[in-house]
PDB file of all heavy atoms in Angstrom:
ATOM      1  N   ARG A   1       3.170   3.854  -0.282  1.00  0.00           N
ATOM      2  CA  ARG A   1       4.536   3.335  -0.219  1.00  0.00           C
ATOM      3  C   ARG A   1       5.041   3.572   1.194  1.00  0.00           C
ATOM      4  O   ARG A   1       5.241   4.715   1.617  1.00  0.00           O
ATOM      5  CB  ARG A   1       5.444   4.035  -1.243  1.00  0.00           C
ATOM      6  CG  ARG A   1       5.010   3.843  -2.692  1.00  0.00           C
ATOM      7  CD  ARG A   1       5.124   2.381  -3.124  1.00  0.00           C
ATOM      8  NE  ARG A   1       4.830   2.202  -4.537  1.00  0.00           N
ATOM      9  CZ  ARG A   1       3.618   1.967  -5.032  1.00  0.00           C
ATOM     10  NH1 ARG A   1       2.567   1.909  -4.200  1.00  0.00           N
ATOM     11  NH2 ARG A   1       3.442   1.786  -6.323  1.00  0.00           N
ATOM     12  N   GLN A   2       5.201   2.489   1.940  1.00  0.00           N
ATOM     13  CA  GLN A   2       5.556   2.581   3.349  1.00  0.00           C
ATOM     14  C   GLN A   2       6.491   1.428   3.711  1.00  0.00           C
ATOM     15  O   GLN A   2       6.760   0.540   2.899  1.00  0.00           O
ATOM     16  CB  GLN A   2       4.296   2.502   4.224  1.00  0.00           C
ATOM     17  CG  GLN A   2       3.362   3.684   4.118  1.00  0.00           C
ATOM     18  CD  GLN A   2       3.850   4.883   4.896  1.00  0.00           C
ATOM     19  OE1 GLN A   2       4.812   4.793   5.668  1.00  0.00           O
ATOM     20  NE2 GLN A   2       3.204   6.027   4.702  1.00  0.00           N
ATOM     21  N   ALA A   3       6.964   1.443   4.948  1.00  0.00           N
ATOM     22  CA  ALA A   3       7.829   0.374   5.449  1.00  0.00           C
ATOM     23  C   ALA A   3       6.979  -0.774   5.985  1.00  0.00           C
ATOM     24  O   ALA A   3       7.105  -1.188   7.143  1.00  0.00           O
ATOM     25  CB  ALA A   3       8.751   0.919   6.536  1.00  0.00           C
ATOM     26  N   PHE A   4       6.095  -1.314   5.124  1.00  0.00           N
ATOM     27  CA  PHE A   4       5.242  -2.426   5.530  1.00  0.00           C
ATOM     28  C   PHE A   4       6.118  -3.636   5.862  1.00  0.00           C
ATOM     29  O   PHE A   4       7.073  -3.935   5.156  1.00  0.00           O
ATOM     30  CB  PHE A   4       4.277  -2.797   4.406  1.00  0.00           C
ATOM     31  CG  PHE A   4       3.365  -1.678   3.987  1.00  0.00           C
ATOM     32  CD1 PHE A   4       3.379  -1.207   2.683  1.00  0.00           C
ATOM     33  CD2 PHE A   4       2.490  -1.101   4.880  1.00  0.00           C
ATOM     34  CE1 PHE A   4       2.540  -0.188   2.282  1.00  0.00           C
ATOM     35  CE2 PHE A   4       1.641  -0.070   4.494  1.00  0.00           C
ATOM     36  CZ  PHE A   4       1.668   0.385   3.191  1.00  0.00           C
ATOM     37  N   GLU A   5       5.750  -4.346   6.928  1.00  0.00           N
ATOM     38  CA  GLU A   5       6.591  -5.473   7.328  1.00  0.00           C
ATOM     39  C   GLU A   5       5.837  -6.789   7.497  1.00  0.00           C
ATOM     40  O   GLU A   5       6.061  -7.727   6.764  1.00  0.00           O
ATOM     41  CB  GLU A   5       7.337  -5.124   8.612  1.00  0.00           C
ATOM     42  CG  GLU A   5       8.322  -3.977   8.412  1.00  0.00           C
ATOM     43  CD  GLU A   5       9.485  -4.032   9.359  1.00  0.00           C
ATOM     44  OE1 GLU A   5      10.327  -4.926   9.211  1.00  0.00           O
ATOM     45  OE2 GLU A   5       9.556  -3.172  10.251  1.00  0.00           O
ATOM     46  N   PHE A   6       4.941  -6.872   8.448  1.00  0.00           N
ATOM     47  CA  PHE A   6       4.322  -8.167   8.733  1.00  0.00           C
ATOM     48  C   PHE A   6       2.953  -7.952   9.379  1.00  0.00           C
ATOM     49  O   PHE A   6       2.462  -6.841   9.458  1.00  0.00           O
ATOM     50  CB  PHE A   6       5.212  -9.027   9.647  1.00  0.00           C
ATOM     51  CG  PHE A   6       6.006  -8.237  10.654  1.00  0.00           C
ATOM     52  CD1 PHE A   6       5.400  -7.665  11.749  1.00  0.00           C
ATOM     53  CD2 PHE A   6       7.365  -8.063  10.490  1.00  0.00           C
ATOM     54  CE1 PHE A   6       6.112  -6.932  12.686  1.00  0.00           C
ATOM     55  CE2 PHE A   6       8.105  -7.332  11.426  1.00  0.00           C
ATOM     56  CZ  PHE A   6       7.479  -6.780  12.515  1.00  0.00           C
ATOM     57  N   TRP A   7       2.336  -9.062   9.826  1.00  0.00           N
ATOM     58  CA  TRP A   7       1.005  -9.037  10.436  1.00  0.00           C
ATOM     59  C   TRP A   7      -0.027  -8.394   9.520  1.00  0.00           C
ATOM     60  O   TRP A   7      -0.872  -7.600   9.944  1.00  0.00           O
ATOM     61  CB  TRP A   7       1.034  -8.391  11.816  1.00  0.00           C
ATOM     62  CG  TRP A   7       1.789  -9.216  12.792  1.00  0.00           C
ATOM     63  CD1 TRP A   7       1.729 -10.577  12.916  1.00  0.00           C
ATOM     64  CD2 TRP A   7       2.733  -8.779  13.755  1.00  0.00           C
ATOM     65  NE1 TRP A   7       2.582 -11.001  13.889  1.00  0.00           N
ATOM     66  CE2 TRP A   7       3.213  -9.922  14.428  1.00  0.00           C
ATOM     67  CE3 TRP A   7       3.238  -7.540  14.121  1.00  0.00           C
ATOM     68  CZ2 TRP A   7       4.160  -9.870  15.437  1.00  0.00           C
ATOM     69  CZ3 TRP A   7       4.183  -7.484  15.133  1.00  0.00           C
ATOM     70  CH2 TRP A   7       4.620  -8.629  15.778  1.00  0.00           C
ATOM     71  N   ILE A   8       0.063  -8.759   8.240  1.00  0.00           N
ATOM     72  CA  ILE A   8      -0.970  -8.356   7.293  1.00  0.00           C
ATOM     73  C   ILE A   8      -2.226  -9.165   7.600  1.00  0.00           C
ATOM     74  O   ILE A   8      -2.190 -10.394   7.686  1.00  0.00           O
ATOM     75  CB  ILE A   8      -0.527  -8.634   5.839  1.00  0.00           C
ATOM     76  CG1 ILE A   8       0.814  -7.951   5.556  1.00  0.00           C
ATOM     77  CG2 ILE A   8      -1.585  -8.179   4.857  1.00  0.00           C
ATOM     78  CD1 ILE A   8       0.794  -6.465   5.730  1.00  0.00           C
ATOM     79  N   ALA A   9      -3.339  -8.483   7.790  1.00  0.00           N
ATOM     80  CA  ALA A   9      -4.605  -9.165   8.080  1.00  0.00           C
ATOM     81  C   ALA A   9      -5.733  -8.435   7.373  1.00  0.00           C
ATOM     82  O   ALA A   9      -5.923  -7.231   7.574  1.00  0.00           O
ATOM     83  CB  ALA A   9      -4.863  -9.214   9.589  1.00  0.00           C
ATOM     84  N   VAL A  10      -6.481  -9.169   6.543  1.00  0.00           N
ATOM     85  CA  VAL A  10      -7.573  -8.594   5.764  1.00  0.00           C
ATOM     86  C   VAL A  10      -8.857  -8.604   6.581  1.00  0.00           C
ATOM     87  O   VAL A  10      -9.155  -9.580   7.285  1.00  0.00           O
ATOM     88  CB  VAL A  10      -7.779  -9.392   4.457  1.00  0.00           C
ATOM     89  CG1 VAL A  10      -8.960  -8.854   3.676  1.00  0.00           C
ATOM     90  CG2 VAL A  10      -6.516  -9.341   3.603  1.00  0.00           C
ATOM     91  N   SER A  11      -9.622  -7.530   6.502  1.00  0.00           N
ATOM     92  CA  SER A  11     -10.915  -7.471   7.177  1.00  0.00           C
ATOM     93  C   SER A  11     -11.867  -8.487   6.545  1.00  0.00           C
ATOM     94  O   SER A  11     -11.681  -8.888   5.390  1.00  0.00           O
ATOM     95  CB  SER A  11     -11.508  -6.065   7.093  1.00  0.00           C
ATOM     96  OG  SER A  11     -11.777  -5.722   5.743  1.00  0.00           O
ATOM     97  N   PRO A  12     -12.888  -8.920   7.262  1.00  0.00           N
ATOM     98  CA  PRO A  12     -13.793  -9.941   6.726  1.00  0.00           C
ATOM     99  C   PRO A  12     -14.428  -9.592   5.393  1.00  0.00           C
ATOM    100  O   PRO A  12     -14.684 -10.488   4.571  1.00  0.00           O
ATOM    101  CB  PRO A  12     -14.854 -10.072   7.837  1.00  0.00           C
ATOM    102  CG  PRO A  12     -14.124  -9.707   9.084  1.00  0.00           C
ATOM    103  CD  PRO A  12     -13.186  -8.612   8.681  1.00  0.00           C
ATOM    104  N   ASP A  13     -14.698  -8.307   5.129  1.00  0.00           N
ATOM    105  CA  ASP A  13     -15.307  -7.928   3.855  1.00  0.00           C
ATOM    106  C   ASP A  13     -14.281  -7.585   2.777  1.00  0.00           C
ATOM    107  O   ASP A  13     -14.643  -7.261   1.642  1.00  0.00           O
ATOM    108  CB  ASP A  13     -16.277  -6.758   4.041  1.00  0.00           C
ATOM    109  CG  ASP A  13     -15.572  -5.466   4.484  1.00  0.00           C
ATOM    110  OD1 ASP A  13     -14.324  -5.493   4.673  1.00  0.00           O
ATOM    111  OD2 ASP A  13     -16.255  -4.448   4.647  1.00  0.00           O
ATOM    112  N   GLY A  14     -12.990  -7.653   3.108  1.00  0.00           N
ATOM    113  CA  GLY A  14     -11.939  -7.418   2.136  1.00  0.00           C
ATOM    114  C   GLY A  14     -11.696  -5.963   1.791  1.00  0.00           C
ATOM    115  O   GLY A  14     -10.932  -5.672   0.865  1.00  0.00           O
ATOM    116  N   SER A  15     -12.285  -5.035   2.529  1.00  0.00           N
ATOM    117  CA  SER A  15     -12.144  -3.618   2.191  1.00  0.00           C
ATOM    118  C   SER A  15     -10.990  -2.933   2.910  1.00  0.00           C
ATOM    119  O   SER A  15     -10.562  -1.854   2.505  1.00  0.00           O
ATOM    120  CB  SER A  15     -13.441  -2.870   2.518  1.00  0.00           C
ATOM    121  OG  SER A  15     -13.672  -2.853   3.929  1.00  0.00           O
ATOM    122  N   ARG A  16     -10.484  -3.536   3.987  1.00  0.00           N
ATOM    123  CA  ARG A  16      -9.409  -2.952   4.774  1.00  0.00           C
ATOM    124  C   ARG A  16      -8.406  -4.040   5.160  1.00  0.00           C
ATOM    125  O   ARG A  16      -8.699  -5.232   5.095  1.00  0.00           O
ATOM    126  CB  ARG A  16      -9.964  -2.295   6.044  1.00  0.00           C
ATOM    127  CG  ARG A  16     -10.844  -1.083   5.823  1.00  0.00           C
ATOM    128  CD  ARG A  16     -11.643  -0.751   7.078  1.00  0.00           C
ATOM    129  NE  ARG A  16     -12.604  -1.797   7.371  1.00  0.00           N
ATOM    130  CZ  ARG A  16     -13.263  -1.925   8.529  1.00  0.00           C
ATOM    131  NH1 ARG A  16     -13.036  -1.049   9.504  1.00  0.00           N
ATOM    132  NH2 ARG A  16     -14.124  -2.899   8.705  1.00  0.00           N
ATOM    133  N   CYS A  17      -7.255  -3.602   5.588  1.00  0.00           N
ATOM    134  CA  CYS A  17      -6.286  -4.547   6.126  1.00  0.00           C
ATOM    135  C   CYS A  17      -5.445  -3.851   7.184  1.00  0.00           C
ATOM    136  O   CYS A  17      -5.326  -2.619   7.195  1.00  0.00           O
ATOM    137  CB  CYS A  17      -5.394  -5.134   5.031  1.00  0.00           C
ATOM    138  SG  CYS A  17      -4.086  -4.034   4.440  1.00  0.00           S
ATOM    139  N   THR A  18      -4.896  -4.635   8.080  1.00  0.00           N
ATOM    140  CA  THR A  18      -3.933  -4.123   9.041  1.00  0.00           C
ATOM    141  C   THR A  18      -2.532  -4.474   8.565  1.00  0.00           C
ATOM    142  O   THR A  18      -2.329  -5.441   7.834  1.00  0.00           O
ATOM    143  CB  THR A  18      -4.134  -4.718  10.434  1.00  0.00           C
ATOM    144  OG1 THR A  18      -4.015  -6.141  10.351  1.00  0.00           O
ATOM    145  CG2 THR A  18      -5.481  -4.341  11.009  1.00  0.00           C
ATOM    146  N   THR A  19      -1.567  -3.675   8.986  1.00  0.00           N
ATOM    147  CA  THR A  19      -0.174  -3.944   8.674  1.00  0.00           C
ATOM    148  C   THR A  19       0.694  -3.338   9.758  1.00  0.00           C
ATOM    149  O   THR A  19       0.313  -2.332  10.366  1.00  0.00           O
ATOM    150  CB  THR A  19       0.212  -3.354   7.301  1.00  0.00           C
ATOM    151  OG1 THR A  19       1.611  -3.535   7.067  1.00  0.00           O
ATOM    152  CG2 THR A  19      -0.112  -1.875   7.220  1.00  0.00           C
ATOM    153  N   ALA A  20       1.836  -3.940  10.018  1.00  0.00           N
ATOM    154  CA  ALA A  20       2.756  -3.434  11.019  1.00  0.00           C
ATOM    155  C   ALA A  20       3.799  -2.538  10.366  1.00  0.00           C
ATOM    156  O   ALA A  20       4.348  -2.884   9.314  1.00  0.00           O
ATOM    157  CB  ALA A  20       3.442  -4.576  11.750  1.00  0.00           C
ATOM    158  N   ILE A  21       4.060  -1.395  10.962  1.00  0.00           N
ATOM    159  CA  ILE A  21       5.100  -0.481  10.514  1.00  0.00           C
ATOM    160  C   ILE A  21       5.941  -0.111  11.744  1.00  0.00           C
ATOM    161  O   ILE A  21       5.388   0.253  12.780  1.00  0.00           O
ATOM    162  CB  ILE A  21       4.515   0.791   9.880  1.00  0.00           C
ATOM    163  CG1 ILE A  21       3.705   0.437   8.625  1.00  0.00           C
ATOM    164  CG2 ILE A  21       5.627   1.784   9.536  1.00  0.00           C
ATOM    165  CD1 ILE A  21       3.028   1.632   7.971  1.00  0.00           C
ATOM    166  N   THR A  22       7.250  -0.233  11.619  1.00  0.00           N
ATOM    167  CA  THR A  22       8.155   0.124  12.704  1.00  0.00           C
ATOM    168  C   THR A  22       8.550   1.589  12.569  1.00  0.00           C
ATOM    169  O   THR A  22       9.056   1.996  11.522  1.00  0.00           O
ATOM    170  CB  THR A  22       9.401  -0.769  12.687  1.00  0.00           C
ATOM    171  OG1 THR A  22       8.999  -2.134  12.774  1.00  0.00           O
ATOM    172  CG2 THR A  22      10.320  -0.442  13.850  1.00  0.00           C
ATOM    173  N   ASN A  23       8.327   2.373  13.618  1.00  0.00           N
ATOM    174  CA  ASN A  23       8.610   3.807  13.524  1.00  0.00           C
ATOM    175  C   ASN A  23      10.093   4.099  13.759  1.00  0.00           C
ATOM    176  O   ASN A  23      10.905   3.179  13.955  1.00  0.00           O
ATOM    177  CB  ASN A  23       7.715   4.610  14.475  1.00  0.00           C
ATOM    178  CG  ASN A  23       8.001   4.338  15.944  1.00  0.00           C
ATOM    179  OD1 ASN A  23       9.096   3.928  16.328  1.00  0.00           O
ATOM    180  ND2 ASN A  23       7.011   4.586  16.789  1.00  0.00           N
ATOM    181  N   ALA A  24      10.461   5.377  13.735  1.00  0.00           N
ATOM    182  CA  ALA A  24      11.864   5.775  13.840  1.00  0.00           C
ATOM    183  C   ALA A  24      12.480   5.403  15.178  1.00  0.00           C
ATOM    184  O   ALA A  24      13.714   5.328  15.301  1.00  0.00           O
ATOM    185  CB  ALA A  24      11.998   7.280  13.613  1.00  0.00           C
ATOM    186  N   ASN A  25      11.651   5.144  16.190  1.00  0.00           N
ATOM    187  CA  ASN A  25      12.150   4.739  17.500  1.00  0.00           C
ATOM    188  C   ASN A  25      12.140   3.228  17.691  1.00  0.00           C
ATOM    189  O   ASN A  25      12.235   2.736  18.810  1.00  0.00           O
ATOM    190  CB  ASN A  25      11.318   5.400  18.602  1.00  0.00           C
ATOM    191  CG  ASN A  25      11.461   6.910  18.605  1.00  0.00           C
ATOM    192  OD1 ASN A  25      12.563   7.430  18.431  1.00  0.00           O
ATOM    193  ND2 ASN A  25      10.354   7.616  18.771  1.00  0.00           N
ATOM    194  N   ALA A  26      12.012   2.501  16.565  1.00  0.00           N
ATOM    195  CA  ALA A  26      12.017   1.030  16.568  1.00  0.00           C
ATOM    196  C   ALA A  26      10.830   0.446  17.325  1.00  0.00           C
ATOM    197  O   ALA A  26      10.921  -0.658  17.875  1.00  0.00           O
ATOM    198  CB  ALA A  26      13.338   0.484  17.120  1.00  0.00           C
ATOM    199  N   ILE A  27       9.724   1.165  17.352  1.00  0.00           N
ATOM    200  CA  ILE A  27       8.491   0.686  17.971  1.00  0.00           C
ATOM    201  C   ILE A  27       7.548   0.216  16.870  1.00  0.00           C
ATOM    202  O   ILE A  27       7.290   0.937  15.908  1.00  0.00           O
ATOM    203  CB  ILE A  27       7.810   1.782  18.803  1.00  0.00           C
ATOM    204  CG1 ILE A  27       8.734   2.210  19.957  1.00  0.00           C
ATOM    205  CG2 ILE A  27       6.469   1.308  19.335  1.00  0.00           C
ATOM    206  CD1 ILE A  27       9.067   1.105  20.929  1.00  0.00           C
ATOM    207  N   THR A  28       7.049  -1.004  16.999  1.00  0.00           N
ATOM    208  CA  THR A  28       6.157  -1.570  15.995  1.00  0.00           C
ATOM    209  C   THR A  28       4.717  -1.140  16.275  1.00  0.00           C
ATOM    210  O   THR A  28       4.194  -1.377  17.367  1.00  0.00           O
ATOM    211  CB  THR A  28       6.255  -3.098  15.990  1.00  0.00           C
ATOM    212  OG1 THR A  28       7.599  -3.487  15.680  1.00  0.00           O
ATOM    213  CG2 THR A  28       5.327  -3.697  14.937  1.00  0.00           C
ATOM    214  N   GLU A  29       4.096  -0.523  15.275  1.00  0.00           N
ATOM    215  CA  GLU A  29       2.725  -0.028  15.389  1.00  0.00           C
ATOM    216  C   GLU A  29       1.832  -0.746  14.390  1.00  0.00           C
ATOM    217  O   GLU A  29       2.294  -1.206  13.342  1.00  0.00           O
ATOM    218  CB  GLU A  29       2.680   1.485  15.126  1.00  0.00           C
ATOM    219  CG  GLU A  29       3.562   2.295  16.070  1.00  0.00           C
ATOM    220  CD  GLU A  29       3.692   3.753  15.646  1.00  0.00           C
ATOM    221  OE1 GLU A  29       3.614   4.028  14.423  1.00  0.00           O
ATOM    222  OE2 GLU A  29       3.877   4.605  16.528  1.00  0.00           O
ATOM    223  N   ILE A  30       0.539  -0.828  14.695  1.00  0.00           N
ATOM    224  CA  ILE A  30      -0.437  -1.422  13.781  1.00  0.00           C
ATOM    225  C   ILE A  30      -1.197  -0.298  13.086  1.00  0.00           C
ATOM    226  O   ILE A  30      -1.759   0.587  13.729  1.00  0.00           O
ATOM    227  CB  ILE A  30      -1.432  -2.334  14.536  1.00  0.00           C
ATOM    228  CG1 ILE A  30      -0.683  -3.462  15.260  1.00  0.00           C
ATOM    229  CG2 ILE A  30      -2.444  -2.921  13.554  1.00  0.00           C
ATOM    230  CD1 ILE A  30       0.060  -4.407  14.365  1.00  0.00           C
ATOM    231  N   TRP A  31      -1.192  -0.348  11.762  1.00  0.00           N
ATOM    232  CA  TRP A  31      -1.876   0.643  10.946  1.00  0.00           C
ATOM    233  C   TRP A  31      -2.957  -0.036  10.118  1.00  0.00           C
ATOM    234  O   TRP A  31      -2.844  -1.220   9.774  1.00  0.00           O
ATOM    235  CB  TRP A  31      -0.892   1.357  10.027  1.00  0.00           C
ATOM    236  CG  TRP A  31       0.072   2.259  10.755  1.00  0.00           C
ATOM    237  CD1 TRP A  31       1.147   1.869  11.510  1.00  0.00           C
ATOM    238  CD2 TRP A  31       0.036   3.687  10.802  1.00  0.00           C
ATOM    239  NE1 TRP A  31       1.789   2.968  12.033  1.00  0.00           N
ATOM    240  CE2 TRP A  31       1.136   4.103  11.605  1.00  0.00           C
ATOM    241  CE3 TRP A  31      -0.795   4.652  10.237  1.00  0.00           C
ATOM    242  CZ2 TRP A  31       1.397   5.438  11.867  1.00  0.00           C
ATOM    243  CZ3 TRP A  31      -0.522   5.991  10.487  1.00  0.00           C
ATOM    244  CH2 TRP A  31       0.556   6.372  11.299  1.00  0.00           C
ATOM    245  N   VAL A  32      -4.009   0.734   9.788  1.00  0.00           N
ATOM    246  CA  VAL A  32      -5.119   0.229   8.985  1.00  0.00           C
ATOM    247  C   VAL A  32      -5.111   0.931   7.631  1.00  0.00           C
ATOM    248  O   VAL A  32      -5.001   2.162   7.555  1.00  0.00           O
ATOM    249  CB  VAL A  32      -6.471   0.452   9.688  1.00  0.00           C
ATOM    250  CG1 VAL A  32      -7.627  -0.024   8.803  1.00  0.00           C
ATOM    251  CG2 VAL A  32      -6.501  -0.284  11.034  1.00  0.00           C
ATOM    252  N   SER A  33      -5.206   0.144   6.572  1.00  0.00           N
ATOM    253  CA  SER A  33      -5.216   0.667   5.205  1.00  0.00           C
ATOM    254  C   SER A  33      -6.539   0.324   4.536  1.00  0.00           C
ATOM    255  O   SER A  33      -7.015  -0.817   4.625  1.00  0.00           O
ATOM    256  CB  SER A  33      -4.061   0.062   4.400  1.00  0.00           C
ATOM    257  OG  SER A  33      -4.157   0.395   3.027  1.00  0.00           O
ATOM    258  N   ASP A  34      -7.144   1.319   3.869  1.00  0.00           N
ATOM    259  CA  ASP A  34      -8.380   1.097   3.120  1.00  0.00           C
ATOM    260  C   ASP A  34      -8.046   0.768   1.662  1.00  0.00           C
ATOM    261  O   ASP A  34      -7.237   1.464   1.032  1.00  0.00           O
ATOM    262  CB  ASP A  34      -9.264   2.352   3.165  1.00  0.00           C
ATOM    263  CG  ASP A  34      -9.809   2.611   4.548  1.00  0.00           C
ATOM    264  OD1 ASP A  34     -10.635   1.817   5.009  1.00  0.00           O
ATOM    265  OD2 ASP A  34      -9.398   3.599   5.178  1.00  0.00           O
ATOM    266  N   ARG A  35      -8.679  -0.250   1.157  1.00  0.00           N
ATOM    267  CA  ARG A  35      -8.427  -0.678  -0.215  1.00  0.00           C
ATOM    268  C   ARG A  35      -8.791   0.425  -1.207  1.00  0.00           C
ATOM    269  O   ARG A  35      -9.871   1.028  -1.127  1.00  0.00           O
ATOM    270  CB  ARG A  35      -9.250  -1.936  -0.507  1.00  0.00           C
ATOM    271  CG  ARG A  35      -9.012  -2.576  -1.866  1.00  0.00           C
ATOM    272  CD  ARG A  35      -9.757  -3.882  -1.894  1.00  0.00           C
ATOM    273  NE  ARG A  35      -9.638  -4.567  -3.166  1.00  0.00           N
ATOM    274  CZ  ARG A  35     -10.134  -5.780  -3.415  1.00  0.00           C
ATOM    275  NH1 ARG A  35     -10.786  -6.424  -2.449  1.00  0.00           N
ATOM    276  NH2 ARG A  35      -9.987  -6.337  -4.587  1.00  0.00           N
ATOM    277  N   GLY A  36      -7.861   0.716  -2.137  1.00  0.00           N
ATOM    278  CA  GLY A  36      -8.100   1.714  -3.163  1.00  0.00           C
ATOM    279  C   GLY A  36      -7.976   3.144  -2.698  1.00  0.00           C
ATOM    280  O   GLY A  36      -8.306   4.067  -3.434  1.00  0.00           O
ATOM    281  N   ARG A  37      -7.460   3.350  -1.493  1.00  0.00           N
ATOM    282  CA  ARG A  37      -7.372   4.696  -0.937  1.00  0.00           C
ATOM    283  C   ARG A  37      -5.997   4.932  -0.327  1.00  0.00           C
ATOM    284  O   ARG A  37      -5.544   4.145   0.507  1.00  0.00           O
ATOM    285  CB  ARG A  37      -8.452   4.890   0.125  1.00  0.00           C
ATOM    286  CG  ARG A  37      -8.462   6.269   0.776  1.00  0.00           C
ATOM    287  CD  ARG A  37      -9.568   6.337   1.807  1.00  0.00           C
ATOM    288  NE  ARG A  37      -9.565   7.602   2.536  1.00  0.00           N
ATOM    289  CZ  ARG A  37     -10.382   7.882   3.529  1.00  0.00           C
ATOM    290  NH1 ARG A  37     -11.284   6.993   3.915  1.00  0.00           N
ATOM    291  NH2 ARG A  37     -10.313   9.046   4.144  1.00  0.00           N
ATOM    292  N   VAL A  38      -5.335   6.002  -0.741  1.00  0.00           N
ATOM    293  CA  VAL A  38      -4.024   6.346  -0.198  1.00  0.00           C
ATOM    294  C   VAL A  38      -4.194   6.956   1.186  1.00  0.00           C
ATOM    295  O   VAL A  38      -5.084   7.780   1.410  1.00  0.00           O
ATOM    296  CB  VAL A  38      -3.283   7.329  -1.129  1.00  0.00           C
ATOM    297  CG1 VAL A  38      -1.968   7.769  -0.512  1.00  0.00           C
ATOM    298  CG2 VAL A  38      -3.039   6.694  -2.494  1.00  0.00           C
TER     299      VAL A  38
END
């Protein structure tokens, strides 16, 4: 559960994705999420 916003992109094998999260200083960062893993 995060402040997910945009630039969702799935890896070619579907196991990971990128997502943009804006931090407390209003800076947009790219994070990687693994499917099925917190």
